[in-house]
C-alpha atoms as a PDB file:
ATOM      1  CA  MET A   1     172.135  -7.260  71.659  1.00  0.00           C
ATOM      2  CA  MET A   2     168.838  -6.915  69.781  1.00  0.00           C
ATOM      3  CA  PHE A   3     167.093  -9.583  67.751  1.00  0.00           C
ATOM      4  CA  ARG A   4     164.344  -8.396  65.377  1.00  0.00           C
ATOM      5  CA  TYR A   5     162.067 -10.365  63.100  1.00  0.00           C
ATOM      6  CA  PRO A   6     162.347  -8.568  59.729  1.00  0.00           C
ATOM      7  CA  GLY A   7     158.632  -8.419  58.914  1.00  0.00           C
ATOM      8  CA  ASN A   8     157.187  -5.841  56.531  1.00  0.00           C
ATOM      9  CA  ARG A   9     154.685  -4.273  58.944  1.00  0.00           C
ATOM     10  CA  LEU A  10     154.834  -6.279  62.186  1.00  0.00           C
ATOM     11  CA  GLN A  11     158.288  -6.626  63.776  1.00  0.00           C
ATOM     12  CA  PRO A  12     158.595  -8.416  67.129  1.00  0.00           C
ATOM     13  CA  TYR A  13     161.937  -8.006  68.918  1.00  0.00           C
ATOM     14  CA  ILE A  14     163.854  -9.101  71.988  1.00  0.00           C
ATOM     15  CA  GLY A  15     166.989  -7.678  73.557  1.00  0.00           C
ATOM     16  CA  ILE A  16     169.473  -8.432  76.313  1.00  0.00           C
ATOM     17  CA  GLY A  17     172.624  -6.738  77.515  1.00  0.00           C
ATOM     18  CA  PRO A  18     174.531  -5.137  80.357  1.00  0.00           C
ATOM     19  CA  GLY A  19     173.499  -1.912  82.044  1.00  0.00           C
ATOM     20  CA  ILE A  20     175.216   0.467  84.460  1.00  0.00           C
ATOM     21  CA  PHE A  21     173.032   1.307  87.465  1.00  0.00           C
ATOM     22  CA  ILE A  22     173.584   3.979  90.121  1.00  0.00           C
ATOM     23  CA  ALA A  23     171.786   4.135  93.496  1.00  0.00           C
ATOM     24  CA  ARG A  24     172.150   6.635  96.324  1.00  0.00           C
ATOM     25  CA  ILE A  25     171.156   6.618 100.004  1.00  0.00           C
ATOM     26  CA  LYS A  26     170.545  10.074 101.433  1.00  0.00           C
ATOM     27  CA  ASP A  27     169.687   9.878 105.123  1.00  0.00           C
ATOM     28  CA  PRO A  28     171.628  11.546 107.993  1.00  0.00           C
ATOM     29  CA  SER A  29     170.778   8.692 110.376  1.00  0.00           C
ATOM     30  CA  VAL A  30     172.352   6.141 108.014  1.00  0.00           C
ATOM     31  CA  THR A  31     175.293   7.898 106.362  1.00  0.00           C
ATOM     32  CA  GLN A  32     178.016  10.244 107.559  1.00  0.00           C
ATOM     33  CA  GLY A  33     179.743  13.354 106.210  1.00  0.00           C
ATOM     34  CA  ASP A  34     177.797  14.599 103.200  1.00  0.00           C
ATOM     35  CA  ASN A  35     174.776  12.496 104.272  1.00  0.00           C
ATOM     36  CA  SER A  36     174.784  10.355 101.139  1.00  0.00           C
ATOM     37  CA  GLN A  37     176.284   7.094  99.972  1.00  0.00           C
ATOM     38  CA  SER A  38     176.164   5.729  96.435  1.00  0.00           C
ATOM     39  CA  SER A  39     176.709   2.405  94.723  1.00  0.00           C
ATOM     40  CA  THR A  40     177.408   1.893  91.012  1.00  0.00           C
ATOM     41  CA  LYS A  41     177.081  -1.634  89.652  1.00  0.00           C
ATOM     42  CA  LEU A  42     176.866  -3.537  86.384  1.00  0.00           C
ATOM     43  CA  GLY A  43     173.528  -5.295  85.932  1.00  0.00           C
ATOM     44  CA  LEU A  44     171.236  -6.976  83.430  1.00  0.00           C
ATOM     45  CA  ASN A  45     168.913  -5.113  81.036  1.00  0.00           C
ATOM     46  CA  THR A  46     166.338  -7.072  78.993  1.00  0.00           C
ATOM     47  CA  LEU A  47     163.365  -6.143  76.836  1.00  0.00           C
ATOM     48  CA  ILE A  48     160.713  -7.672  74.626  1.00  0.00           C
ATOM     49  CA  GLY A  49     158.387  -5.819  72.314  1.00  0.00           C
ATOM     50  CA  VAL A  50     156.617  -5.401  69.020  1.00  0.00           C
ATOM     51  CA  ARG A  51     156.665  -2.635  66.418  1.00  0.00           C
ATOM     52  CA  TYR A  52     153.955  -2.087  63.799  1.00  0.00           C
ATOM     53  CA  PHE A  53     154.548   0.176  60.797  1.00  0.00           C
ATOM     54  CA  ILE A  54     151.500   2.370  60.196  1.00  0.00           C
ATOM     55  CA  THR A  55     153.204   4.057  57.220  1.00  0.00           C
ATOM     56  CA  ARG A  56     156.695   3.743  55.750  1.00  0.00           C
ATOM     57  CA  HIS A  57     158.075   6.296  58.243  1.00  0.00           C
ATOM     58  CA  VAL A  58     155.753   6.001  61.274  1.00  0.00           C
ATOM     59  CA  SER A  59     155.385   3.024  63.586  1.00  0.00           C
ATOM     60  CA  ALA A  60     153.687   2.260  66.890  1.00  0.00           C
ATOM     61  CA  PHE A  61     155.437   0.136  69.496  1.00  0.00           C
ATOM     62  CA  ALA A  62     154.792  -1.610  72.789  1.00  0.00           C
ATOM     63  CA  GLU A  63     157.553  -3.086  74.913  1.00  0.00           C
ATOM     64  CA  GLY A  64     158.335  -4.402  78.355  1.00  0.00           C
ATOM     65  CA  LYS A  65     161.709  -3.906  80.049  1.00  0.00           C
ATOM     66  CA  TYR A  66     163.211  -5.769  82.996  1.00  0.00           C
ATOM     67  CA  ASN A  67     166.374  -4.816  84.895  1.00  0.00           C
ATOM     68  CA  TYR A  68     168.292  -6.720  87.563  1.00  0.00           C
ATOM     69  CA  VAL A  69     171.147  -5.408  89.705  1.00  0.00           C
ATOM     70  CA  ARG A  70     172.538  -5.983  93.218  1.00  0.00           C
ATOM     71  CA  PHE A  71     173.761  -2.874  95.052  1.00  0.00           C
ATOM     72  CA  ASN A  72     176.238  -2.954  97.942  1.00  0.00           C
ATOM     73  CA  PHE A  73     176.328  -0.137 100.464  1.00  0.00           C
ATOM     74  CA  GLU A  74     179.445  -0.088 102.612  1.00  0.00           C
ATOM     75  CA  GLU A  75     179.631  -0.115 106.368  1.00  0.00           C
ATOM     76  CA  ASN A  76     180.448   3.121 108.211  1.00  0.00           C
ATOM     77  CA  PRO A  77     180.412   4.187 111.894  1.00  0.00           C
ATOM     78  CA  ASN A  78     176.644   4.891 111.872  1.00  0.00           C
ATOM     79  CA  PHE A  79     175.548   2.097 109.575  1.00  0.00           C
ATOM     80  CA  PHE A  80     176.205  -1.650 109.239  1.00  0.00           C
ATOM     81  CA  GLY A  81     175.931  -1.715 105.435  1.00  0.00           C
ATOM     82  CA  PHE A  82     173.593  -3.816 103.350  1.00  0.00           C
ATOM     83  CA  ASN A  83     172.947  -5.329  99.929  1.00  0.00           C
ATOM     84  CA  ALA A  84     169.895  -4.366  97.883  1.00  0.00           C
ATOM     85  CA  THR A  85     168.346  -6.001  94.828  1.00  0.00           C
ATOM     86  CA  TYR A  86     166.744  -3.664  92.256  1.00  0.00           C
ATOM     87  CA  THR A  87     164.352  -5.356  89.791  1.00  0.00           C
ATOM     88  CA  PRO A  88     161.986  -2.905  88.090  1.00  0.00           C
ATOM     89  CA  ILE A  89     159.630  -3.836  85.255  1.00  0.00           C
ATOM     90  CA  ASN A  90     158.682  -1.011  82.843  1.00  0.00           C
ATOM     91  CA  VAL A  91     156.057  -0.960  80.115  1.00  0.00           C
ATOM     92  CA  ALA A  92     156.379   1.567  77.281  1.00  0.00           C
ATOM     93  CA  LEU A  93     153.964   2.469  74.487  1.00  0.00           C
ATOM     94  CA  GLY A  94     154.759   4.988  71.793  1.00  0.00           C
ATOM     95  CA  ILE A  95     155.011   6.252  68.243  1.00  0.00           C
ATOM     96  CA  SER A  96     158.326   6.284  66.333  1.00  0.00           C
ATOM     97  CA  TYR A  97     159.396   8.240  63.280  1.00  0.00           C
ATOM     98  CA  HIS A  98     161.874   6.525  60.912  1.00  0.00           C
ATOM     99  CA  PHE A  99     163.904   8.541  58.425  1.00  0.00           C
END
């Protein structure tokens, strides 16, 4: 879900929603068989940013994104299993073309 302030040139925005995240462990000392184990979970995806229209069709933007998800890796004969929390923060700057 995105919320945008409908300004003429300057448009701040905020967004929140679900995200699907996939993680994989690839280590022969931890996993068995094909030497990998994966976990797919539903998590949280949020962002906040601002867009500035330079012309009618070109804008510059800056935004920050935050994700949160908890992965579960199952137990197997070589490994006790564990839970992992993934919480990256990304910053993006760019130019957009609107048609």
